[in-house]
Amino acid sequence: MRTFHIKLKGTPRESIIVCRKNVLSKALPELLPRLKAGGAIVFTDSNVYALYQRQIDALTLPVFVMPAGEEHKDQTTLFALLQAMAEANLRRTSTLIALGGGVVGDVGGLAASLYMRGISCIQVPTTLLAQVDSSVGGKTAIDFCGVKNLIGAFHQPSLVLADPTFFGTLPPREIRCGLGEIVKHGALNAALFDKLSAQDDLSDLDFLASVVPENIRIKAEIVQKDPNERGLRRCLNLGHTTGHAIELAEKTLSHGECVLLGLLYESRIAERHLDADVGYLQALSALIKRVLADPKTDAASHARLALLDKKNTAKDKVTLAVPVKRGEFALLELGFREYEEELKEIGQTL
């Protein structure tokens, strides 16, 4: 078992992150007396509930099940959950348990931040992606007006329970999705990059279980220094400007796959515009191509969607967080037309 404590600047709240096995049968039942005393609700989706209904029902807490899928990460689901929380008579001392992948964590965290101006949230991420990324750091959101994560808040979970036994139920594509964020962390941390590069089978479940705590530590240290994304934390957006544009346009690709595609394009942009370590960026691109089933996409046709990215600070300009050297990143701002042309030229070489 590995435990991390995150104390954020300027807030009294501390997040505790615990990596351990069998959280549904051990960790959560151990917490039940406290949860029932203060009031609690379990929030999950239809896929997770179908897999773990027996363990969830054994907690004898109110349960709200949303339809699975990013398309339901919206205001309808959010307000239905808030209504269920009110009907369960939750109080300011109550807890929402978000049991699922990134969508459940995002919607559940946002609901917890809004209900009675903020109640406690326990994140139990069931996907590789959620364990290494979205469950850590307090970002919560729903998609709105066709824009990903347009409405949201920072709301740190009181507890995150990361259990590698959930990986055994994940299809290969979900593993690949999680590897997208793991490779991104590798671009920020030289030791992790070397470990990933040396691993023959990146989808091996034992290997993934061994690197989850390391990924959590990398993200937790960054969040601790910059909880509200004013400076350093922007490095966690590597690949995300282009990746989010692809994700909005191509509904068949997962978030992690889009991040990898974005990182592939943006690494090449960094080569062309900055004093970057070309050999390192080529090694990073090779690592990305080991994970992606097909690294080809027409990113240029989706370029205008990058103007919706929240990092942008000026009209008709696109801000990218790009890798430049081992463990180093930079912010690069390009005019839209130049950015679009870069995507066209790079896409022809992939």
Protein backbone atom coordinates (compact mmCIF):
# COMPACT_ATOMS: atom_id res chain seq x y z
CA MET A 1 0.00 0.00 0.00
CA ARG A 2 1.26 3.49 -0.91
CA THR A 3 -0.15 6.68 0.64
CA PHE A 4 0.31 10.29 -0.51
CA HIS A 5 -0.78 13.45 1.32
CA ILE A 6 -1.42 16.62 -0.70
CA LYS A 7 -1.64 19.88 1.25
CA LEU A 8 -2.51 22.73 -1.09
CA LYS A 9 -1.33 26.33 -0.83
CA GLY A 10 -3.85 28.68 0.73
CA THR A 11 -6.40 26.01 1.67
CA PRO A 12 -7.07 24.01 4.83
CA ARG A 13 -8.05 20.94 2.78
CA GLU A 14 -5.74 17.95 2.52
CA SER A 15 -6.16 15.17 -0.01
CA ILE A 16 -5.06 11.67 0.95
CA ILE A 17 -4.31 9.30 -1.93
CA VAL A 18 -4.05 5.60 -1.12
CA CYS A 19 -2.87 2.94 -3.59
CA ARG A 20 -4.12 -0.42 -2.35
CA LYS A 21 -5.94 -3.51 -3.56
CA ASN A 22 -9.57 -4.55 -2.99
CA VAL A 23 -10.97 -1.16 -2.01
CA LEU A 24 -14.58 -2.27 -2.61
CA SER A 25 -14.33 -5.21 -0.23
CA LYS A 26 -11.97 -3.69 2.35
CA ALA A 27 -11.27 0.05 2.30
CA LEU A 28 -14.80 1.34 1.75
CA PRO A 29 -16.44 -1.08 4.24
CA GLU A 30 -13.87 0.08 6.82
CA LEU A 31 -15.08 3.66 6.26
CA LEU A 32 -18.81 2.80 6.45
CA PRO A 33 -19.45 3.77 10.10
CA ARG A 34 -18.13 7.29 9.49
CA LEU A 35 -19.84 7.60 6.11
CA LYS A 36 -23.22 6.53 7.46
CA ALA A 37 -22.93 8.85 10.45
CA GLY A 38 -22.42 11.87 8.19
CA GLY A 39 -24.52 10.65 5.27
CA ALA A 40 -23.19 9.47 1.90
CA ILE A 41 -24.18 8.56 -1.64
CA VAL A 42 -22.41 6.38 -4.22
CA PHE A 43 -22.27 7.83 -7.74
CA THR A 44 -21.29 5.49 -10.56
CA ASP A 45 -22.13 4.66 -14.18
CA SER A 46 -24.02 1.80 -15.78
CA ASN A 47 -20.88 -0.08 -16.88
CA VAL A 48 -19.25 -0.03 -13.46
CA TYR A 49 -22.50 -0.87 -11.68
CA ALA A 50 -23.02 -3.90 -13.92
CA LEU A 51 -19.56 -5.18 -12.98
CA TYR A 52 -19.64 -4.44 -9.25
CA GLN A 53 -23.30 -4.29 -8.27
CA ARG A 54 -22.94 -6.86 -5.50
CA GLN A 55 -20.10 -5.00 -3.77
CA ILE A 56 -21.77 -1.61 -4.25
CA ASP A 57 -25.14 -2.76 -2.92
CA ALA A 58 -23.38 -4.38 0.06
CA LEU A 59 -22.39 -0.89 1.23
CA THR A 60 -26.12 -0.22 1.86
CA LEU A 61 -25.78 3.43 0.82
CA PRO A 62 -27.97 5.36 -1.64
CA VAL A 63 -26.71 4.82 -5.20
CA PHE A 64 -27.14 7.01 -8.28
CA VAL A 65 -26.21 5.41 -11.61
CA MET A 66 -25.61 7.58 -14.69
CA PRO A 67 -25.57 6.24 -18.27
CA ALA A 68 -22.00 5.43 -19.28
CA GLY A 69 -20.24 7.63 -21.81
CA GLU A 70 -18.70 11.07 -22.37
CA GLU A 71 -21.91 12.18 -24.13
CA HIS A 72 -23.64 12.09 -20.73
CA LYS A 73 -21.08 14.35 -19.06
CA ASP A 74 -23.54 17.23 -19.18
CA GLN A 75 -25.90 19.42 -17.21
CA THR A 76 -28.71 16.84 -17.38
CA THR A 77 -26.63 14.26 -15.51
CA LEU A 78 -25.25 16.87 -13.11
CA PHE A 79 -28.67 18.13 -12.03
CA ALA A 80 -30.13 14.63 -11.84
CA LEU A 81 -27.30 13.74 -9.46
CA LEU A 82 -27.84 16.88 -7.39
CA GLN A 83 -31.54 16.00 -7.12
CA ALA A 84 -30.64 12.49 -5.94
CA MET A 85 -28.30 13.99 -3.34
CA ALA A 86 -31.09 16.23 -2.06
CA GLU A 87 -33.56 13.32 -1.96
CA ALA A 88 -31.00 11.33 0.05
CA ASN A 89 -31.03 14.20 2.59
CA LEU A 90 -27.30 14.78 2.35
CA ARG A 91 -25.93 17.43 4.68
CA ARG A 92 -22.82 19.60 4.74
CA THR A 93 -21.10 16.81 6.67
CA SER A 94 -21.98 14.23 4.00
CA THR A 95 -19.78 12.56 1.38
CA LEU A 96 -20.17 11.76 -2.29
CA ILE A 97 -18.31 8.62 -3.40
CA ALA A 98 -17.43 8.85 -7.12
CA LEU A 99 -16.85 5.28 -8.27
CA GLY A 100 -15.88 5.05 -11.93
CA GLY A 101 -13.73 6.52 -14.66
CA GLY A 102 -12.96 10.12 -15.53
CA VAL A 103 -16.53 11.07 -16.47
CA VAL A 104 -17.91 9.88 -13.14
CA GLY A 105 -15.06 11.58 -11.29
CA ASP A 106 -15.56 14.88 -13.11
CA VAL A 107 -19.36 15.04 -12.73
CA GLY A 108 -19.31 13.68 -9.18
CA GLY A 109 -16.59 16.09 -8.09
CA LEU A 110 -18.48 19.04 -9.57
CA ALA A 111 -21.72 17.98 -7.85
CA ALA A 112 -19.86 17.71 -4.53
CA SER A 113 -18.43 21.20 -5.03
CA LEU A 114 -21.89 22.68 -5.66
CA TYR A 115 -24.06 20.86 -3.12
CA MET A 116 -24.47 23.08 -0.05
CA ARG A 117 -21.47 25.05 -1.37
CA GLY A 118 -19.21 22.04 -1.04
CA ILE A 119 -19.27 18.63 0.61
CA SER A 120 -16.60 15.96 0.91
CA CYS A 121 -15.81 13.77 -2.10
CA ILE A 122 -14.09 10.39 -2.17
CA GLN A 123 -12.76 9.42 -5.59
CA VAL A 124 -12.54 5.69 -6.39
CA PRO A 125 -11.15 5.68 -9.96
CA THR A 126 -11.77 2.41 -11.81
CA THR A 127 -9.85 3.14 -15.02
CA LEU A 128 -6.12 3.48 -15.55
CA LEU A 129 -6.64 6.98 -16.95
CA ALA A 130 -8.58 8.16 -13.91
CA GLN A 131 -6.09 6.67 -11.47
CA VAL A 132 -3.05 8.39 -12.95
CA ASP A 133 -4.71 11.64 -13.96
CA SER A 134 -8.26 12.90 -13.44
CA SER A 135 -8.84 11.66 -9.88
CA VAL A 136 -5.80 13.58 -8.64
CA GLY A 137 -5.73 17.36 -8.56
CA GLY A 138 -9.30 18.46 -7.94
CA LYS A 139 -10.34 19.45 -11.46
CA THR A 140 -14.08 18.83 -11.94
CA ALA A 141 -16.26 19.71 -14.92
CA ILE A 142 -19.02 18.98 -17.39
CA ASP A 143 -19.01 19.56 -21.14
CA PHE A 144 -21.27 22.41 -22.28
CA CYS A 145 -22.24 23.99 -25.62
CA GLY A 146 -19.99 21.55 -27.45
CA VAL A 147 -16.92 22.55 -25.44
CA LYS A 148 -15.11 20.00 -23.30
CA ASN A 149 -14.97 20.87 -19.57
CA LEU A 150 -16.41 24.36 -20.11
CA ILE A 151 -18.21 24.46 -16.74
CA GLY A 152 -16.24 23.31 -13.73
CA ALA A 153 -14.53 24.04 -10.45
CA PHE A 154 -11.47 23.05 -8.44
CA HIS A 155 -12.66 20.78 -5.63
CA GLN A 156 -10.04 18.57 -4.01
CA PRO A 157 -11.21 15.10 -2.96
CA SER A 158 -10.70 14.28 0.70
CA LEU A 159 -9.61 10.76 -0.27
CA VAL A 160 -8.59 8.94 -3.46
CA LEU A 161 -8.52 5.13 -3.42
CA ALA A 162 -6.52 3.79 -6.39
CA ASP A 163 -6.91 0.02 -6.79
CA PRO A 164 -4.97 -1.84 -9.53
CA THR A 165 -7.34 -4.83 -9.38
CA PHE A 166 -9.82 -2.79 -11.42
CA PHE A 167 -7.46 -3.02 -14.42
CA GLY A 168 -8.40 -6.66 -14.97
CA THR A 169 -11.85 -5.62 -16.21
CA LEU A 170 -10.61 -2.98 -18.65
CA PRO A 171 -10.64 -3.61 -22.43
CA PRO A 172 -7.37 -3.00 -24.32
CA ARG A 173 -8.55 0.37 -25.56
CA GLU A 174 -9.07 1.63 -21.98
CA ILE A 175 -5.52 0.54 -21.16
CA ARG A 176 -4.27 2.47 -24.20
CA CYS A 177 -6.29 5.47 -23.07
CA GLY A 178 -4.58 5.46 -19.66
CA LEU A 179 -1.19 5.04 -21.29
CA GLY A 180 -1.80 8.37 -23.02
CA GLU A 181 -1.52 10.24 -19.73
CA ILE A 182 1.28 7.97 -18.47
CA VAL A 183 3.39 8.79 -21.54
CA LYS A 184 2.59 12.47 -21.01
CA HIS A 185 3.91 12.19 -17.46
CA GLY A 186 6.97 10.47 -18.90
CA ALA A 187 7.56 13.55 -21.04
CA LEU A 188 7.71 15.54 -17.79
CA ASN A 189 9.83 13.13 -15.79
CA ALA A 190 13.08 11.65 -17.14
CA ALA A 191 13.11 8.62 -14.81
CA LEU A 192 9.59 7.58 -15.82
CA PHE A 193 10.41 8.15 -19.49
CA ASP A 194 13.39 5.78 -19.22
CA LYS A 195 11.25 3.17 -17.45
CA LEU A 196 8.57 3.32 -20.15
CA SER A 197 11.13 3.19 -22.96
CA ALA A 198 12.77 0.09 -21.46
CA GLN A 199 9.50 -1.81 -20.96
CA ASP A 200 8.73 -4.35 -23.70
CA ASP A 201 4.99 -4.71 -23.02
CA LEU A 202 3.55 -1.38 -21.92
CA SER A 203 0.09 -2.92 -21.41
CA ASP A 204 1.28 -5.55 -18.92
CA LEU A 205 -1.02 -5.18 -15.89
CA ASP A 206 1.69 -5.84 -13.31
CA PHE A 207 3.88 -3.19 -14.91
CA LEU A 208 1.01 -0.71 -14.95
CA ALA A 209 0.23 -1.39 -11.30
CA SER A 210 3.87 -0.68 -10.48
CA VAL A 211 3.94 2.72 -12.24
CA VAL A 212 0.58 4.06 -11.02
CA PRO A 213 2.01 5.32 -7.68
CA GLU A 214 4.89 6.98 -9.53
CA ASN A 215 2.46 8.74 -11.87
CA ILE A 216 0.33 9.87 -8.95
CA ARG A 217 3.41 11.24 -7.19
CA ILE A 218 4.46 13.20 -10.30
CA LYS A 219 1.05 14.80 -10.70
CA ALA A 220 0.53 15.34 -6.95
CA GLU A 221 3.81 17.24 -6.60
CA ILE A 222 2.86 19.53 -9.48
CA VAL A 223 -0.65 20.13 -8.15
CA GLN A 224 0.68 20.83 -4.68
CA LYS A 225 2.86 23.64 -6.04
CA ASP A 226 0.18 25.10 -8.34
CA PRO A 227 -3.33 23.97 -7.32
CA ASN A 228 -5.23 26.44 -9.52
CA GLU A 229 -3.15 26.10 -12.73
CA ARG A 230 -1.54 29.56 -12.72
CA GLY A 231 1.94 28.45 -13.76
CA LEU A 232 3.74 25.11 -13.37
CA ARG A 233 0.56 23.01 -13.55
CA ARG A 234 0.10 24.07 -17.15
CA CYS A 235 2.76 21.49 -18.00
CA LEU A 236 0.07 18.84 -17.44
CA ASN A 237 -1.57 20.13 -20.64
CA LEU A 238 1.14 18.63 -22.85
CA GLY A 239 -0.60 17.40 -25.99
CA HIS A 240 -3.98 18.60 -24.79
CA THR A 241 -4.59 21.66 -26.99
CA THR A 242 -4.39 19.69 -30.23
CA GLY A 243 -5.63 16.55 -28.48
CA HIS A 244 -8.84 18.19 -27.25
CA ALA A 245 -9.51 19.57 -30.75
CA ILE A 246 -9.18 16.06 -32.21
CA GLU A 247 -11.32 14.63 -29.41
CA LEU A 248 -14.13 17.11 -30.02
CA ALA A 249 -14.18 16.34 -33.73
CA GLU A 250 -13.50 12.60 -33.84
CA LYS A 251 -15.92 10.99 -31.43
CA THR A 252 -14.53 7.48 -32.02
CA LEU A 253 -11.18 8.23 -30.32
CA SER A 254 -10.62 8.09 -26.56
CA HIS A 255 -9.20 10.95 -24.52
CA GLY A 256 -5.87 9.20 -24.04
CA GLU A 257 -5.52 8.40 -27.74
CA CYS A 258 -6.20 12.04 -28.58
CA VAL A 259 -3.63 13.22 -26.02
CA LEU A 260 -1.04 10.96 -27.65
CA LEU A 261 -1.91 12.30 -31.10
CA GLY A 262 -1.73 15.85 -29.77
CA LEU A 263 1.62 15.13 -28.16
CA LEU A 264 2.90 13.66 -31.42
CA TYR A 265 1.98 16.79 -33.38
CA GLU A 266 3.07 19.24 -30.71
CA SER A 267 6.46 17.54 -30.27
CA ARG A 268 7.11 18.16 -33.95
CA ILE A 269 5.98 21.78 -33.58
CA ALA A 270 8.43 22.18 -30.68
CA GLU A 271 11.25 20.88 -32.92
CA ARG A 272 10.43 23.52 -35.53
CA HIS A 273 10.04 26.54 -33.23
CA LEU A 274 12.14 26.08 -30.10
CA ASP A 275 15.64 25.17 -28.98
CA ALA A 276 14.61 21.59 -28.37
CA ASP A 277 16.47 18.30 -27.99
CA VAL A 278 15.57 16.72 -31.33
CA GLY A 279 16.91 13.28 -30.39
CA TYR A 280 14.81 13.19 -27.24
CA LEU A 281 11.67 14.33 -29.07
CA GLN A 282 12.19 11.65 -31.70
CA ALA A 283 12.49 9.06 -28.91
CA LEU A 284 9.27 10.41 -27.40
CA SER A 285 7.52 10.12 -30.76
CA ALA A 286 8.73 6.52 -31.07
CA LEU A 287 7.29 5.74 -27.63
CA ILE A 288 3.94 7.29 -28.61
CA LYS A 289 3.80 5.21 -31.79
CA ARG A 290 4.31 2.05 -29.71
CA VAL A 291 1.06 2.82 -27.90
CA LEU A 292 -1.14 4.20 -30.70
CA ALA A 293 -2.85 1.69 -32.94
CA ASP A 294 -2.85 4.21 -35.82
CA PRO A 295 -1.03 7.55 -35.45
CA LYS A 296 -2.65 9.06 -38.52
CA THR A 297 -5.37 11.71 -38.27
CA ASP A 298 -6.20 14.91 -40.13
CA ALA A 299 -5.54 17.24 -37.21
CA ALA A 300 -5.39 20.28 -39.46
CA SER A 301 -9.07 19.94 -40.35
CA HIS A 302 -9.90 20.27 -36.63
CA ALA A 303 -7.49 23.14 -35.94
CA ARG A 304 -10.19 25.77 -35.39
CA LEU A 305 -11.46 23.81 -32.38
CA ALA A 306 -8.11 24.50 -30.70
CA LEU A 307 -9.18 28.16 -30.43
CA LEU A 308 -11.65 27.00 -27.75
CA ASP A 309 -8.81 25.82 -25.51
CA LYS A 310 -8.81 27.47 -22.07
CA LYS A 311 -5.04 28.11 -22.16
CA ASN A 312 -5.40 30.60 -25.00
CA THR A 313 -4.92 34.21 -23.93
CA ALA A 314 -5.37 36.11 -27.20
CA LYS A 315 -7.85 36.06 -30.07
CA ASP A 316 -6.76 34.02 -33.09
CA LYS A 317 -3.73 32.64 -31.22
CA VAL A 318 -3.19 29.12 -29.91
CA THR A 319 -1.16 28.39 -26.78
CA LEU A 320 0.59 25.02 -26.57
CA ALA A 321 2.37 23.33 -23.68
CA VAL A 322 5.11 21.39 -25.48
CA PRO A 323 7.98 19.07 -24.49
CA VAL A 324 11.42 20.45 -25.32
CA LYS A 325 14.02 18.38 -23.42
CA ARG A 326 14.09 15.48 -20.97
CA GLY A 327 11.78 16.49 -18.13
CA GLU A 328 11.31 20.02 -19.50
CA PHE A 329 8.39 21.80 -21.15
CA ALA A 330 7.69 25.25 -22.60
CA LEU A 331 4.67 27.36 -23.50
CA LEU A 332 4.51 28.27 -27.17
CA GLU A 333 2.02 30.70 -28.71
CA LEU A 334 1.30 30.57 -32.44
CA GLY A 335 -1.05 32.54 -34.64
CA PHE A 336 -3.95 30.38 -35.77
CA ARG A 337 -3.00 30.31 -39.44
CA GLU A 338 0.57 29.32 -38.64
CA TYR A 339 -0.67 26.61 -36.24
CA GLU A 340 -3.05 25.25 -38.88
CA GLU A 341 -0.31 25.16 -41.50
CA GLU A 342 2.05 23.37 -39.08
CA LEU A 343 -0.57 20.67 -38.50
CA LYS A 344 -1.02 20.21 -42.26
CA GLU A 345 2.70 19.82 -42.93
CA ILE A 346 3.31 17.51 -39.98
CA GLY A 347 0.26 15.37 -40.80
CA GLN A 348 1.71 14.62 -44.22
CA THR A 349 4.82 13.10 -42.63
CA LEU A 350 3.21 10.82 -40.05
